[in-house]
Amino acid sequence: MITRQRLAAGVCTLLAALTAGIAFPTGAVADETAEQAAPKVELVLDVSGSMRARDIDGGSRMSAAKQAFNEVLDATPEEVQLGIRTLGANYRGNDRKTGCKDTAQLYPVGTLNRTEAKTAVATLTPTGWTPIGPALLKAAGDLDGGNGTRRIVLISDGEDTCQPLDPCEVAREIAAKGIGLTIDTLGLVPDAKTRDQLSCIADATGGTYTSVQHKEELTDRVGQLVKRAADPVVTPVAVEGATACTSAPTLKSGLYTDREEFGQHRYYRVDVKPGQELRASVSVAADREVNPDYGVLLRAVTVHGREIVRGEAAGNGRTDVISTGLRYPKAKSDDENAPAETVCLQVSNSFSAASGVKTTPGMPVELTVDVVDGPDQASDVASFGLGRGWWLLGALVLTGFLAGVLWGWVSRLRIAVWRTN
């Protein structure tokens, strides 16, 4: 439990530091201020027949979606290129094969003309099938190209009706391409099957799932997601880890992306000067079907293989991403010219592929490295070296010894009093 709390504290501190905007050294990651392509967002709206249902604030689901779209279009930032795609909007028949091809781009991704976009939305009428998988594939193509933020916002009120093209598998395929496209989903019906499917789609690409049952909730959430695309982002740097520490690439503070095969070990080197602290975290995404019960291990070791500190996490198949982290403080030195210590980060996993699942390419890995000045306050747990466990072990031994001595003294005193009486 203590180890987990320490690990959680380290990861939270790392995330807080990154959120606070700690600058990365030049060359570690893509410059946020460098010129990038405009952020792109495509709203994918379910226009199937079930959207006629009148269960959102006394009106139909379709009218709630239209109102939300109109308000979001008015508030879309100028720098965001926005498009709209529909599914189930055009085919009214019963032929499944035809109905599962019913997805079309209502408004192309580009500089937004609010009047034209609103006019296009006003023409929509709930019509046909629910081909979520095909719509996601087409939407990914609509957003292809460029290095800016790309986001799909899917609004639906039911499950995909075009199996066996599983939309969750489609989302995993999109994530496996490594194009940095995020899919956020919104469900208009609090149905367990719909929730599970939309959650799976979002989780596969690092997106979010939200259940909405009121007009105001829908408008607010879609607006938040569109505006989020305009926020500055740090683009991960592609790096190829080695199978041994001696041949591993040297990393500076930054965000990195790699791929790791099932059961593989990947090594990366980081130089830590005396008085600095290494903070690192890793996330491995299961972008395909895997067997339950798996884990991810992040170890900091010396160049000779001695373990310094580790972080580990286990999963049971309920999430598509598993993360862990660690902290390692390097003690200060009286020698101003003391050399930096080379620390090797080892990333390994215990995933196993389900029957018939391809094991290549490897699973997406995102590694965060942050080397900062070490803590000055003695109250900081890391400054005592607790990351290696020795101080903690010594404290426990001393506490146990003192408790034993005290208990023995109290016991002898009680016996002496009893004999006297």
Protein backbone atom coordinates (compact mmCIF):
# COMPACT_ATOMS: atom_id res chain seq x y z
CA MET A 1 0.00 0.00 0.00
CA ILE A 2 2.84 2.40 0.92
CA THR A 3 4.55 1.64 -2.39
CA ARG A 4 1.36 2.37 -4.30
CA GLN A 5 0.81 5.62 -2.43
CA ARG A 6 4.35 6.73 -3.15
CA LEU A 7 3.94 5.79 -6.81
CA ALA A 8 0.63 7.62 -7.04
CA ALA A 9 2.18 10.69 -5.45
CA GLY A 10 5.02 10.59 -7.95
CA VAL A 11 2.73 10.29 -10.93
CA CYS A 12 0.41 13.03 -9.65
CA THR A 13 3.39 15.33 -9.06
CA LEU A 14 4.63 14.64 -12.57
CA LEU A 15 1.25 15.36 -14.11
CA ALA A 16 0.86 18.51 -12.04
CA ALA A 17 4.26 19.72 -13.15
CA LEU A 18 3.43 19.14 -16.78
CA THR A 19 0.06 20.82 -16.40
CA ALA A 20 1.68 23.83 -14.76
CA GLY A 21 3.66 24.32 -17.94
CA ILE A 22 7.21 23.30 -17.06
CA ALA A 23 9.23 24.07 -20.17
CA PHE A 24 11.06 21.24 -21.87
CA PRO A 25 14.63 21.76 -23.10
CA THR A 26 15.02 22.63 -26.75
CA GLY A 27 14.88 19.61 -28.99
CA ALA A 28 13.18 17.33 -26.48
CA VAL A 29 9.73 17.73 -27.94
CA ALA A 30 8.09 19.59 -30.75
CA ASP A 31 7.93 23.31 -30.01
CA GLU A 32 4.43 24.35 -29.04
CA THR A 33 5.04 27.75 -30.56
CA ALA A 34 6.24 26.35 -33.86
CA GLU A 35 3.91 26.80 -36.77
CA GLN A 36 1.47 23.89 -36.95
CA ALA A 37 -1.52 23.06 -39.09
CA ALA A 38 -4.83 24.46 -37.89
CA PRO A 39 -6.74 22.19 -35.47
CA LYS A 40 -9.44 20.14 -37.16
CA VAL A 41 -12.71 18.87 -35.69
CA GLU A 42 -15.45 16.83 -37.30
CA LEU A 43 -18.82 16.47 -35.62
CA VAL A 44 -20.34 13.07 -36.47
CA LEU A 45 -24.08 13.03 -35.85
CA ASP A 46 -26.36 10.01 -35.68
CA VAL A 47 -29.46 10.80 -37.79
CA SER A 48 -30.98 7.31 -37.61
CA GLY A 49 -34.71 6.80 -37.13
CA SER A 50 -34.43 6.48 -33.36
CA MET A 51 -33.45 10.17 -33.15
CA ARG A 52 -37.18 10.96 -33.55
CA ALA A 53 -37.80 9.89 -29.94
CA ARG A 54 -39.10 12.76 -27.81
CA ASP A 55 -37.35 12.23 -24.50
CA ILE A 56 -34.96 15.19 -24.13
CA ASP A 57 -36.58 18.08 -22.27
CA GLY A 58 -39.91 17.39 -23.96
CA GLY A 59 -38.51 17.55 -27.49
CA SER A 60 -36.95 15.09 -29.92
CA ARG A 61 -33.34 14.00 -29.76
CA MET A 62 -32.87 15.44 -33.23
CA SER A 63 -34.09 18.90 -32.24
CA ALA A 64 -31.78 18.88 -29.21
CA ALA A 65 -28.83 18.00 -31.44
CA LYS A 66 -29.70 20.74 -33.94
CA GLN A 67 -29.95 23.36 -31.20
CA ALA A 68 -26.62 22.24 -29.75
CA PHE A 69 -24.95 22.38 -33.17
CA ASN A 70 -26.23 25.88 -33.86
CA GLU A 71 -24.93 27.22 -30.56
CA VAL A 72 -21.61 25.43 -30.94
CA LEU A 73 -21.15 26.79 -34.46
CA ASP A 74 -21.59 30.32 -33.11
CA ALA A 75 -18.94 29.74 -30.45
CA THR A 76 -16.35 27.84 -32.53
CA PRO A 77 -12.91 29.54 -32.35
CA GLU A 78 -11.80 31.17 -35.59
CA GLU A 79 -8.65 29.04 -35.82
CA VAL A 80 -10.55 25.73 -35.71
CA GLN A 81 -11.40 24.05 -39.02
CA LEU A 82 -14.73 22.31 -38.49
CA GLY A 83 -16.75 19.82 -40.51
CA ILE A 84 -19.95 17.83 -40.04
CA ARG A 85 -20.59 14.21 -41.06
CA THR A 86 -23.84 12.29 -40.70
CA LEU A 87 -24.72 8.63 -40.40
CA GLY A 88 -28.13 7.21 -41.23
CA ALA A 89 -29.39 10.46 -42.77
CA ASN A 90 -30.27 9.50 -46.34
CA TYR A 91 -31.44 5.88 -46.82
CA ARG A 92 -34.97 5.04 -45.67
CA GLY A 93 -35.13 1.44 -46.91
CA ASN A 94 -34.67 -1.93 -45.23
CA ASP A 95 -31.70 -3.22 -47.18
CA ARG A 96 -28.97 -3.67 -44.58
CA LYS A 97 -26.09 -3.59 -47.04
CA THR A 98 -27.20 -0.23 -48.42
CA GLY A 99 -28.12 1.16 -45.01
CA CYS A 100 -24.65 0.39 -43.65
CA LYS A 101 -23.07 2.61 -46.32
CA ASP A 102 -25.25 5.56 -45.36
CA THR A 103 -22.71 8.13 -44.16
CA ALA A 104 -22.02 11.44 -45.84
CA GLN A 105 -20.13 14.66 -45.20
CA LEU A 106 -22.75 17.32 -44.59
CA TYR A 107 -20.23 20.17 -44.32
CA PRO A 108 -16.56 19.79 -45.35
CA VAL A 109 -13.74 20.28 -42.83
CA GLY A 110 -12.33 23.73 -43.37
CA THR A 111 -12.73 27.40 -42.51
CA LEU A 112 -16.17 27.69 -40.96
CA ASN A 113 -18.97 29.58 -42.67
CA ARG A 114 -21.53 29.61 -39.88
CA THR A 115 -24.52 30.46 -42.06
CA GLU A 116 -23.84 27.65 -44.52
CA ALA A 117 -23.19 25.13 -41.76
CA LYS A 118 -26.41 26.03 -39.91
CA THR A 119 -28.41 25.80 -43.14
CA ALA A 120 -27.03 22.31 -43.75
CA VAL A 121 -27.90 21.18 -40.22
CA ALA A 122 -31.46 22.52 -40.57
CA THR A 123 -32.15 20.08 -43.43
CA LEU A 124 -31.54 16.95 -41.33
CA THR A 125 -34.40 14.55 -40.64
CA PRO A 126 -34.12 11.25 -38.69
CA THR A 127 -34.07 8.54 -41.33
CA GLY A 128 -32.24 5.23 -41.34
CA TRP A 129 -29.60 2.90 -39.94
CA THR A 130 -26.74 3.43 -37.46
CA PRO A 131 -23.45 2.69 -39.29
CA ILE A 132 -21.06 4.04 -36.65
CA GLY A 133 -18.05 2.00 -37.77
CA PRO A 134 -18.17 3.12 -41.44
CA ALA A 135 -18.79 6.73 -40.36
CA LEU A 136 -15.70 6.73 -38.13
CA LEU A 137 -13.53 5.36 -40.96
CA LYS A 138 -14.76 8.09 -43.30
CA ALA A 139 -14.36 10.78 -40.65
CA ALA A 140 -10.74 9.74 -40.07
CA GLY A 141 -10.17 10.20 -43.79
CA ASP A 142 -11.83 13.64 -43.68
CA LEU A 143 -9.27 14.74 -41.06
CA ASP A 144 -6.23 13.15 -42.71
CA GLY A 145 -3.13 15.27 -43.28
CA GLY A 146 -1.34 17.98 -41.31
CA ASN A 147 0.25 17.91 -37.88
CA GLY A 148 -2.34 19.88 -35.92
CA THR A 149 -4.87 18.58 -33.41
CA ARG A 150 -7.51 16.30 -34.91
CA ARG A 151 -10.67 15.36 -33.06
CA ILE A 152 -13.88 13.49 -33.90
CA VAL A 153 -16.93 14.20 -31.74
CA LEU A 154 -19.52 11.43 -32.15
CA ILE A 155 -23.10 12.00 -30.98
CA SER A 156 -25.32 8.90 -31.03
CA ASP A 157 -28.38 7.46 -29.31
CA GLY A 158 -27.83 3.77 -29.94
CA GLU A 159 -25.59 0.87 -30.84
CA ASP A 160 -24.09 0.33 -34.25
CA THR A 161 -26.46 -1.71 -36.45
CA CYS A 162 -23.83 -2.73 -39.00
CA GLN A 163 -21.91 -5.53 -37.27
CA PRO A 164 -19.58 -7.37 -37.77
CA LEU A 165 -17.70 -4.11 -38.46
CA ASP A 166 -17.22 -3.40 -34.76
CA PRO A 167 -16.85 0.37 -34.22
CA CYS A 168 -14.63 -0.30 -31.21
CA GLU A 169 -12.22 -2.26 -33.42
CA VAL A 170 -12.40 0.56 -35.97
CA ALA A 171 -11.35 3.01 -33.25
CA ARG A 172 -8.44 0.74 -32.29
CA GLU A 173 -7.34 0.59 -35.94
CA ILE A 174 -7.40 4.39 -36.10
CA ALA A 175 -5.32 4.59 -32.92
CA ALA A 176 -2.85 2.02 -34.26
CA LYS A 177 -2.07 4.26 -37.22
CA GLY A 178 -0.41 6.69 -34.81
CA ILE A 179 -1.94 9.76 -36.43
CA GLY A 180 -2.87 11.38 -33.11
CA LEU A 181 -6.61 11.46 -33.77
CA THR A 182 -8.89 11.54 -30.71
CA ILE A 183 -12.51 10.37 -30.70
CA ASP A 184 -14.87 11.74 -28.05
CA THR A 185 -18.34 10.22 -27.76
CA LEU A 186 -21.64 11.47 -26.37
CA GLY A 187 -24.56 9.16 -25.66
CA LEU A 188 -28.12 10.50 -25.69
CA VAL A 189 -29.63 7.41 -24.05
CA PRO A 190 -28.55 5.98 -20.65
CA ASP A 191 -28.51 2.44 -22.04
CA ALA A 192 -25.84 0.02 -20.80
CA LYS A 193 -24.98 -1.48 -24.22
CA THR A 194 -24.79 1.93 -25.87
CA ARG A 195 -22.67 3.25 -23.01
CA ASP A 196 -20.25 0.31 -23.22
CA GLN A 197 -19.80 0.68 -26.97
CA LEU A 198 -19.33 4.45 -26.95
CA SER A 199 -16.97 4.21 -23.96
CA CYS A 200 -14.87 1.61 -25.76
CA ILE A 201 -14.61 3.83 -28.86
CA ALA A 202 -13.45 6.79 -26.79
CA ASP A 203 -11.00 4.79 -24.65
CA ALA A 204 -9.29 3.30 -27.71
CA THR A 205 -8.09 6.75 -28.84
CA GLY A 206 -7.65 8.46 -25.48
CA GLY A 207 -10.93 10.32 -25.79
CA THR A 208 -13.82 10.77 -23.38
CA TYR A 209 -17.37 9.41 -23.12
CA THR A 210 -20.21 11.54 -21.76
CA SER A 211 -23.83 10.61 -21.16
CA VAL A 212 -26.16 13.56 -21.78
CA GLN A 213 -29.91 13.75 -21.20
CA HIS A 214 -30.60 17.48 -21.47
CA LYS A 215 -30.17 20.11 -24.20
CA GLU A 216 -27.94 22.31 -22.09
CA GLU A 217 -25.63 19.40 -21.23
CA LEU A 218 -25.28 18.47 -24.89
CA THR A 219 -24.51 22.03 -25.98
CA ASP A 220 -21.98 22.59 -23.20
CA ARG A 221 -20.12 19.33 -23.76
CA VAL A 222 -19.86 19.60 -27.54
CA GLY A 223 -18.69 23.20 -27.16
CA GLN A 224 -16.00 22.17 -24.67
CA LEU A 225 -14.67 19.48 -26.98
CA VAL A 226 -14.53 21.80 -30.00
CA LYS A 227 -12.71 24.49 -28.02
CA ARG A 228 -10.31 21.89 -26.59
CA ALA A 229 -9.02 21.24 -30.10
CA ALA A 230 -7.68 24.81 -30.18
CA ASP A 231 -5.63 24.34 -26.99
CA PRO A 232 -1.86 24.11 -27.55
CA VAL A 233 -0.51 20.58 -27.39
CA VAL A 234 2.88 18.94 -27.04
CA THR A 235 3.52 16.58 -29.93
CA PRO A 236 5.29 13.37 -28.86
CA VAL A 237 8.68 12.72 -30.44
CA ALA A 238 9.01 9.32 -32.12
CA VAL A 239 11.86 7.31 -30.58
CA GLU A 240 12.99 3.71 -30.93
CA GLY A 241 13.97 2.03 -27.68
CA ALA A 242 16.68 -0.62 -27.62
CA THR A 243 16.70 -4.19 -26.36
CA ALA A 244 19.63 -3.40 -24.02
CA CYS A 245 20.69 -0.43 -21.93
CA THR A 246 24.08 -0.14 -23.64
CA SER A 247 22.52 0.63 -27.02
CA ALA A 248 19.53 2.68 -25.78
CA PRO A 249 18.89 6.23 -27.06
CA THR A 250 19.56 9.10 -24.65
CA LEU A 251 16.45 11.15 -23.86
CA LYS A 252 16.03 14.64 -22.43
CA SER A 253 12.93 15.97 -20.70
CA GLY A 254 9.99 15.55 -23.04
CA LEU A 255 7.17 13.40 -24.35
CA TYR A 256 8.03 10.40 -26.51
CA THR A 257 6.19 7.74 -28.45
CA ASP A 258 7.30 4.23 -29.37
CA ARG A 259 5.87 0.76 -29.98
CA GLU A 260 6.47 -2.35 -27.89
CA GLU A 261 5.67 -5.92 -28.81
CA PHE A 262 3.98 -8.35 -26.45
CA GLY A 263 6.26 -9.28 -23.54
CA GLN A 264 9.09 -7.13 -24.88
CA HIS A 265 11.60 -4.98 -22.94
CA ARG A 266 12.51 -1.50 -24.22
CA TYR A 267 15.38 0.58 -22.82
CA TYR A 268 16.00 4.34 -22.82
CA ARG A 269 18.86 6.29 -21.20
CA VAL A 270 18.55 9.51 -19.18
CA ASP A 271 21.40 11.54 -17.67
CA VAL A 272 20.70 12.75 -14.11
CA LYS A 273 23.10 15.24 -12.53
CA PRO A 274 23.75 15.40 -8.76
CA GLY A 275 20.97 17.41 -7.12
CA GLN A 276 18.42 16.58 -9.82
CA GLU A 277 15.37 14.34 -9.72
CA LEU A 278 14.18 12.06 -12.51
CA ARG A 279 10.43 11.72 -12.90
CA ALA A 280 9.09 9.36 -15.53
CA SER A 281 5.77 7.80 -16.47
CA VAL A 282 4.70 5.40 -19.18
CA SER A 283 1.38 4.44 -20.76
CA VAL A 284 0.85 1.37 -22.94
CA ALA A 285 -2.32 1.21 -25.05
CA ALA A 286 -3.95 -2.13 -25.85
CA ASP A 287 -4.98 -1.18 -29.37
CA ARG A 288 -6.24 -4.68 -30.14
CA GLU A 289 -7.98 -7.53 -28.31
CA VAL A 290 -5.78 -8.90 -25.52
CA ASN A 291 -6.18 -11.53 -22.84
CA PRO A 292 -7.26 -10.27 -19.38
CA ASP A 293 -4.84 -9.92 -16.47
CA TYR A 294 -1.77 -8.03 -17.62
CA GLY A 295 0.71 -5.52 -16.28
CA VAL A 296 3.16 -2.77 -17.16
CA LEU A 297 6.51 -2.27 -15.43
CA LEU A 298 8.74 0.82 -15.50
CA ARG A 299 12.17 0.35 -13.89
CA ALA A 300 15.05 2.76 -13.38
CA VAL A 301 18.30 0.77 -13.36
CA THR A 302 22.01 1.53 -13.44
CA VAL A 303 24.05 0.81 -16.57
CA HIS A 304 25.16 -2.39 -14.79
CA GLY A 305 21.56 -3.53 -14.29
CA ARG A 306 21.07 -2.80 -10.59
CA GLU A 307 17.52 -1.67 -9.89
CA ILE A 308 17.16 1.82 -8.41
CA VAL A 309 13.38 2.23 -8.26
CA ARG A 310 10.35 0.83 -10.04
CA GLY A 311 6.72 1.55 -10.80
CA GLU A 312 4.20 -1.09 -11.81
CA ALA A 313 0.51 -1.38 -12.57
CA ALA A 314 -1.85 -4.25 -13.33
CA GLY A 315 -5.03 -4.46 -15.40
CA ASN A 316 -7.83 -6.93 -15.91
CA GLY A 317 -9.21 -6.02 -19.32
CA ARG A 318 -11.52 -3.19 -18.27
CA THR A 319 -9.40 -0.43 -19.82
CA ASP A 320 -7.49 0.01 -23.06
CA VAL A 321 -4.65 2.01 -21.48
CA ILE A 322 -2.51 1.18 -18.44
CA SER A 323 -0.03 3.61 -16.89
CA THR A 324 2.60 3.75 -14.16
CA GLY A 325 5.43 6.04 -13.07
CA LEU A 326 8.45 6.55 -10.81
CA ARG A 327 10.71 9.16 -9.18
CA TYR A 328 14.46 9.00 -8.54
CA PRO A 329 16.32 11.80 -6.69
CA LYS A 330 20.07 12.06 -7.24
CA ALA A 331 21.88 13.25 -4.11
CA LYS A 332 23.82 16.50 -4.29
CA SER A 333 27.62 16.42 -4.51
CA ASP A 334 30.27 18.69 -3.00
CA ASP A 335 32.16 18.37 -6.28
CA GLU A 336 30.86 20.99 -8.72
CA ASN A 337 32.29 18.96 -11.59
CA ALA A 338 30.72 15.68 -10.53
CA PRO A 339 29.52 13.80 -13.63
CA ALA A 340 25.90 12.99 -14.33
CA GLU A 341 24.64 9.48 -13.66
CA THR A 342 23.28 7.56 -16.62
CA VAL A 343 19.99 5.98 -15.62
CA CYS A 344 18.33 3.40 -17.85
CA LEU A 345 14.54 3.30 -18.02
CA GLN A 346 13.21 -0.16 -18.78
CA VAL A 347 9.65 -0.48 -20.07
CA SER A 348 8.16 -3.98 -20.14
CA ASN A 349 4.70 -5.51 -20.29
CA SER A 350 2.93 -8.80 -19.66
CA PHE A 351 0.24 -8.44 -22.32
CA SER A 352 -0.66 -11.53 -24.32
CA ALA A 353 -2.53 -11.60 -27.61
CA ALA A 354 -5.96 -13.15 -27.86
CA SER A 355 -6.44 -16.01 -30.30
CA GLY A 356 -6.03 -14.92 -33.91
CA VAL A 357 -4.83 -11.39 -33.03
CA LYS A 358 -1.73 -10.06 -34.80
CA THR A 359 1.19 -9.24 -32.52
CA THR A 360 2.82 -6.77 -34.92
CA PRO A 361 3.20 -3.88 -35.02
CA GLY A 362 3.82 -3.42 -31.31
CA MET A 363 1.41 -1.62 -29.00
CA PRO A 364 1.61 2.20 -28.71
CA VAL A 365 3.83 3.40 -25.86
CA GLU A 366 3.89 6.99 -24.56
CA LEU A 367 6.82 7.85 -22.30
CA THR A 368 7.15 11.08 -20.31
CA VAL A 369 10.59 12.07 -19.00
CA ASP A 370 11.13 15.04 -16.70
CA VAL A 371 14.49 15.91 -15.09
CA VAL A 372 14.11 18.73 -12.56
CA ASP A 373 16.04 20.23 -9.65
CA GLY A 374 15.87 17.94 -6.64
CA PRO A 375 13.76 18.83 -3.57
CA ASP A 376 15.32 21.11 -0.98
CA GLN A 377 12.87 20.40 1.83
CA ALA A 378 13.62 17.45 4.07
CA SER A 379 9.88 16.84 4.37
CA ASP A 380 9.79 15.69 0.77
CA VAL A 381 9.67 11.90 0.86
CA ALA A 382 11.84 11.55 -2.22
CA SER A 383 14.67 13.59 -0.68
CA PHE A 384 15.24 10.80 1.84
CA GLY A 385 15.69 8.21 -0.86
CA LEU A 386 12.48 6.38 -0.02
CA GLY A 387 12.21 5.55 -3.70
CA ARG A 388 14.77 2.82 -3.01
CA GLY A 389 13.07 1.61 0.16
CA TRP A 390 16.11 1.56 2.48
CA TRP A 391 15.12 4.54 4.61
CA LEU A 392 11.62 3.14 4.97
CA LEU A 393 12.98 -0.27 5.99
CA GLY A 394 15.31 1.32 8.55
CA ALA A 395 12.50 3.44 10.00
CA LEU A 396 10.27 0.37 10.37
CA VAL A 397 13.04 -1.65 12.06
CA LEU A 398 13.83 1.18 14.50
CA THR A 399 10.15 1.71 15.30
CA GLY A 400 9.68 -2.00 15.95
CA PHE A 401 12.74 -2.14 18.19
CA LEU A 402 11.64 0.83 20.30
CA ALA A 403 8.09 -0.53 20.56
CA GLY A 404 9.46 -3.89 21.77
CA VAL A 405 11.69 -2.27 24.40
CA LEU A 406 8.82 -0.10 25.66
CA TRP A 407 6.41 -3.02 25.84
CA GLY A 408 8.97 -5.13 27.71
CA TRP A 409 9.57 -2.37 30.25
CA VAL A 410 5.82 -1.88 30.80
CA SER A 411 5.31 -5.64 31.21
CA ARG A 412 8.08 -5.95 33.80
CA LEU A 413 6.67 -2.99 35.71
CA ARG A 414 3.20 -4.57 35.82
CA ILE A 415 4.60 -7.89 37.06
CA ALA A 416 6.61 -6.12 39.80
CA VAL A 417 3.50 -4.25 40.98
CA TRP A 418 1.45 -7.47 40.97
CA ARG A 419 4.03 -9.30 43.11
CA THR A 420 4.17 -6.39 45.54
CA ASN A 421 0.41 -6.44 45.99
